[in-house]
Amino acid sequence: MTEERARALTAVVAPGVEQCAKTLSRATHDLWRVQSLALSIDDAGPFAAAFDSVANDHYGASLQFPGGRFVFLFSGKSGFLATNAFTRDAQDRVESFNQREVRALGELANIALNPLVGHLAKAWGFRLVVSAPQSRIASRRDHLADALSAYAEQDTLAAAFYAKLVCDTLFSECDLLIFLERVLVEAVTKRSDPPAPAS
């Protein structure tokens, strides 16, 4: 991928991630912000060091779409605090739910991603159909490895974004991973390529 295409891809994704933070803020009644956003065109890139933890304490929600997937991750502490904030108005009804945090955070991820999905679909000019969230508890390393394993055999992964969202009032943070396959990246970045000079 050329630097121009990488910049064009980031220019589209970044405002969508900002919308995720705003949606999280509305859902939890606390201000979330995007602390960082990194693009990698390598399988590991900036993710290897950040995702080397093997502690099985992270709530993950994975949502697939044709051409890629999203993965939302909360640590055990952040997941607990975000769940309490998200379910504040229905605390009595959800307190006894089995796997309360897993279910609540899967729904929270789904809600937070909706504006990003809409933003990307509009920017790229086609509809994105996203699956229901698949949630589980695992280590950060396992969440990343599982996401990458879908692309390992056919080498279809072209780019990945890693965003860190933080909430100072909840003392919480979450990670958003966006994996994009080669066919999708090529299609959307060609739209931003400058026209070829006339011969």
Protein backbone atom coordinates (compact mmCIF):
# COMPACT_ATOMS: atom_id res chain seq x y z
CA MET A 1 0.00 0.00 0.00
CA THR A 2 1.35 3.44 -0.91
CA GLU A 3 1.68 6.20 1.69
CA GLU A 4 -1.02 8.16 -0.13
CA ARG A 5 -3.44 5.25 0.11
CA ALA A 6 -2.59 4.69 3.77
CA ARG A 7 -3.28 8.35 4.53
CA ALA A 8 -6.54 8.24 2.58
CA LEU A 9 -7.66 5.11 4.44
CA THR A 10 -6.80 6.64 7.82
CA ALA A 11 -8.56 9.88 6.90
CA VAL A 12 -11.79 7.91 6.46
CA VAL A 13 -11.43 5.59 9.46
CA ALA A 14 -10.37 8.22 12.03
CA PRO A 15 -13.64 10.23 12.07
CA GLY A 16 -15.59 6.97 12.37
CA VAL A 17 -13.57 5.97 15.42
CA GLU A 18 -14.29 9.39 16.93
CA GLN A 19 -17.99 8.64 16.44
CA CYS A 20 -17.51 5.38 18.34
CA ALA A 21 -16.15 7.35 21.30
CA LYS A 22 -19.12 9.72 21.19
CA THR A 23 -21.54 6.80 21.10
CA LEU A 24 -19.82 5.15 24.05
CA SER A 25 -20.15 8.45 25.91
CA ARG A 26 -23.90 8.55 25.32
CA ALA A 27 -24.35 4.88 26.21
CA THR A 28 -22.41 5.02 29.49
CA HIS A 29 -23.16 8.66 30.43
CA ASP A 30 -19.43 9.32 30.74
CA LEU A 31 -17.03 11.02 28.35
CA TRP A 32 -14.89 8.71 26.19
CA ARG A 33 -12.15 9.95 23.88
CA VAL A 34 -9.80 8.46 21.31
CA GLN A 35 -6.34 8.38 22.85
CA SER A 36 -4.55 6.91 19.84
CA LEU A 37 -5.10 5.37 16.42
CA ALA A 38 -2.46 3.34 14.59
CA LEU A 39 -2.51 1.78 11.13
CA SER A 40 -0.53 -1.37 10.41
CA ILE A 41 -0.01 -3.02 7.05
CA ASP A 42 1.85 -5.86 8.76
CA ASP A 43 0.31 -8.85 10.56
CA ALA A 44 1.72 -7.76 13.92
CA GLY A 45 2.97 -4.20 13.49
CA PRO A 46 2.14 -2.01 16.50
CA PHE A 47 -0.05 -4.76 17.96
CA ALA A 48 2.51 -7.34 19.03
CA ALA A 49 3.89 -5.45 22.04
CA ALA A 50 0.49 -4.08 23.06
CA PHE A 51 -1.15 -7.50 22.97
CA ASP A 52 1.45 -9.69 24.63
CA SER A 53 -0.57 -10.23 27.83
CA VAL A 54 -1.62 -13.82 28.47
CA ALA A 55 -3.89 -13.04 31.44
CA ASN A 56 -7.36 -14.38 30.65
CA ASP A 57 -9.20 -11.32 31.86
CA HIS A 58 -10.29 -9.47 28.74
CA TYR A 59 -13.84 -9.29 27.44
CA GLY A 60 -13.85 -9.39 23.66
CA ALA A 61 -16.62 -8.85 21.13
CA SER A 62 -15.91 -9.75 17.50
CA LEU A 63 -18.15 -8.63 14.64
CA GLN A 64 -17.52 -9.68 11.05
CA PHE A 65 -18.45 -8.08 7.74
CA PRO A 66 -17.62 -8.91 4.13
CA GLY A 67 -14.02 -7.77 3.80
CA GLY A 68 -13.04 -7.58 7.47
CA ARG A 69 -13.95 -7.57 11.13
CA PHE A 70 -14.11 -5.40 14.24
CA VAL A 71 -12.89 -6.51 17.67
CA PHE A 72 -13.74 -4.60 20.88
CA LEU A 73 -11.74 -5.43 24.03
CA PHE A 74 -12.25 -4.42 27.66
CA SER A 75 -10.07 -5.49 30.57
CA GLY A 76 -11.84 -7.17 33.48
CA LYS A 77 -11.87 -3.97 35.55
CA SER A 78 -12.82 -1.68 32.66
CA GLY A 79 -15.46 -4.15 31.52
CA PHE A 80 -17.03 -4.25 34.96
CA LEU A 81 -17.09 -0.45 35.28
CA ALA A 82 -18.36 0.11 31.72
CA THR A 83 -21.09 -2.50 32.24
CA ASN A 84 -22.25 -0.80 35.42
CA ALA A 85 -22.40 2.56 33.65
CA PHE A 86 -24.12 1.10 30.56
CA THR A 87 -26.78 -0.76 32.58
CA ARG A 88 -27.24 1.96 35.20
CA ASP A 89 -30.88 2.54 34.30
CA ALA A 90 -31.70 -1.19 34.33
CA GLN A 91 -29.44 -2.39 37.13
CA ASP A 92 -32.13 -4.41 38.93
CA ARG A 93 -33.12 -6.31 35.79
CA VAL A 94 -29.63 -7.23 34.60
CA GLU A 95 -27.87 -7.83 37.92
CA SER A 96 -28.77 -11.54 37.96
CA PHE A 97 -28.00 -12.20 34.28
CA ASN A 98 -25.64 -15.07 33.59
CA GLN A 99 -22.35 -13.65 32.19
CA ARG A 100 -23.68 -10.12 32.68
CA GLU A 101 -20.51 -8.35 31.55
CA VAL A 102 -20.01 -10.51 28.47
CA ARG A 103 -23.57 -9.93 27.29
CA ALA A 104 -23.66 -6.24 28.15
CA LEU A 105 -20.29 -5.46 26.57
CA GLY A 106 -21.23 -7.33 23.40
CA GLU A 107 -24.30 -5.13 23.10
CA LEU A 108 -22.29 -2.02 23.99
CA ALA A 109 -19.76 -2.84 21.25
CA ASN A 110 -22.58 -3.33 18.78
CA ILE A 111 -24.09 0.05 19.66
CA ALA A 112 -20.74 1.84 19.58
CA LEU A 113 -19.85 0.40 16.17
CA ASN A 114 -23.11 1.35 14.45
CA PRO A 115 -22.07 4.92 13.59
CA LEU A 116 -18.62 3.73 12.46
CA VAL A 117 -20.22 1.17 10.15
CA GLY A 118 -22.56 3.81 8.74
CA HIS A 119 -19.72 6.27 8.28
CA LEU A 120 -17.52 3.77 6.45
CA ALA A 121 -20.37 2.57 4.25
CA LYS A 122 -21.18 6.13 3.21
CA ALA A 123 -17.55 7.05 2.62
CA TRP A 124 -16.83 3.91 0.62
CA GLY A 125 -20.10 3.95 -1.30
CA PHE A 126 -21.47 0.50 -0.49
CA ARG A 127 -23.43 -1.24 2.25
CA LEU A 128 -21.64 -2.98 5.12
CA VAL A 129 -23.57 -5.84 6.69
CA VAL A 130 -22.14 -6.66 10.12
CA SER A 131 -22.72 -9.88 12.05
CA ALA A 132 -24.02 -10.11 15.59
CA PRO A 133 -21.25 -9.80 18.19
CA GLN A 134 -19.48 -12.99 19.26
CA SER A 135 -18.32 -12.40 22.83
CA ARG A 136 -15.92 -14.28 25.08
CA ILE A 137 -13.28 -13.88 27.79
CA ALA A 138 -9.65 -14.55 26.85
CA SER A 139 -6.21 -12.99 26.99
CA ARG A 140 -5.31 -10.01 24.82
CA ARG A 141 -2.86 -12.24 22.94
CA ASP A 142 -5.54 -14.87 22.25
CA HIS A 143 -8.06 -12.28 21.07
CA LEU A 144 -5.51 -10.91 18.60
CA ALA A 145 -4.35 -14.38 17.50
CA ASP A 146 -7.92 -15.52 16.87
CA ALA A 147 -8.65 -12.46 14.75
CA LEU A 148 -5.45 -12.90 12.73
CA SER A 149 -5.98 -16.65 12.26
CA ALA A 150 -8.87 -15.98 9.90
CA TYR A 151 -6.40 -14.47 7.44
CA ALA A 152 -3.36 -16.66 8.01
CA GLU A 153 -3.89 -19.38 5.39
CA GLN A 154 -4.96 -17.22 2.47
CA ASP A 155 -2.93 -14.10 3.39
CA THR A 156 -5.91 -11.83 2.70
CA LEU A 157 -5.28 -9.25 5.45
CA ALA A 158 -4.15 -5.95 3.95
CA ALA A 159 -4.44 -3.44 6.80
CA ALA A 160 -5.42 -3.20 10.44
CA PHE A 161 -6.18 -0.31 12.75
CA TYR A 162 -5.66 -0.26 16.50
CA ALA A 163 -7.53 2.43 18.41
CA LYS A 164 -7.40 2.99 22.16
CA LEU A 165 -10.42 4.69 23.69
CA VAL A 166 -10.29 5.96 27.27
CA CYS A 167 -12.75 7.29 29.83
CA ASP A 168 -11.10 9.32 32.59
CA THR A 169 -14.16 9.52 34.83
CA LEU A 170 -14.68 5.73 34.75
CA PHE A 171 -10.92 5.04 34.98
CA SER A 172 -11.54 2.71 32.03
CA GLU A 173 -10.24 2.02 28.56
CA CYS A 174 -11.02 -0.23 25.64
CA ASP A 175 -9.30 -1.33 22.47
CA LEU A 176 -10.86 -1.31 19.02
CA LEU A 177 -9.25 -3.39 16.29
CA ILE A 178 -10.34 -3.02 12.66
CA PHE A 179 -9.12 -5.67 10.21
CA LEU A 180 -9.49 -4.98 6.49
CA GLU A 181 -8.98 -7.54 3.73
CA ARG A 182 -7.03 -6.87 0.57
CA VAL A 183 -9.98 -6.87 -1.81
CA LEU A 184 -11.78 -4.24 0.29
CA VAL A 185 -8.73 -2.04 0.79
CA GLU A 186 -7.91 -2.08 -2.91
CA ALA A 187 -11.47 -1.18 -3.81
CA VAL A 188 -11.82 1.72 -1.39
CA THR A 189 -8.36 3.22 -1.77
CA LYS A 190 -8.61 3.30 -5.55
CA ARG A 191 -11.47 5.75 -5.13
CA SER A 192 -9.07 8.23 -3.51
CA ASP A 193 -6.21 7.79 -6.00
CA PRO A 194 -5.50 10.93 -8.04
CA PRO A 195 -6.45 10.61 -11.71
CA ALA A 196 -3.73 9.40 -14.02
CA PRO A 197 -2.08 12.20 -16.02
CA ALA A 198 -3.33 12.55 -19.56
CA SER A 199 -0.99 11.08 -22.13
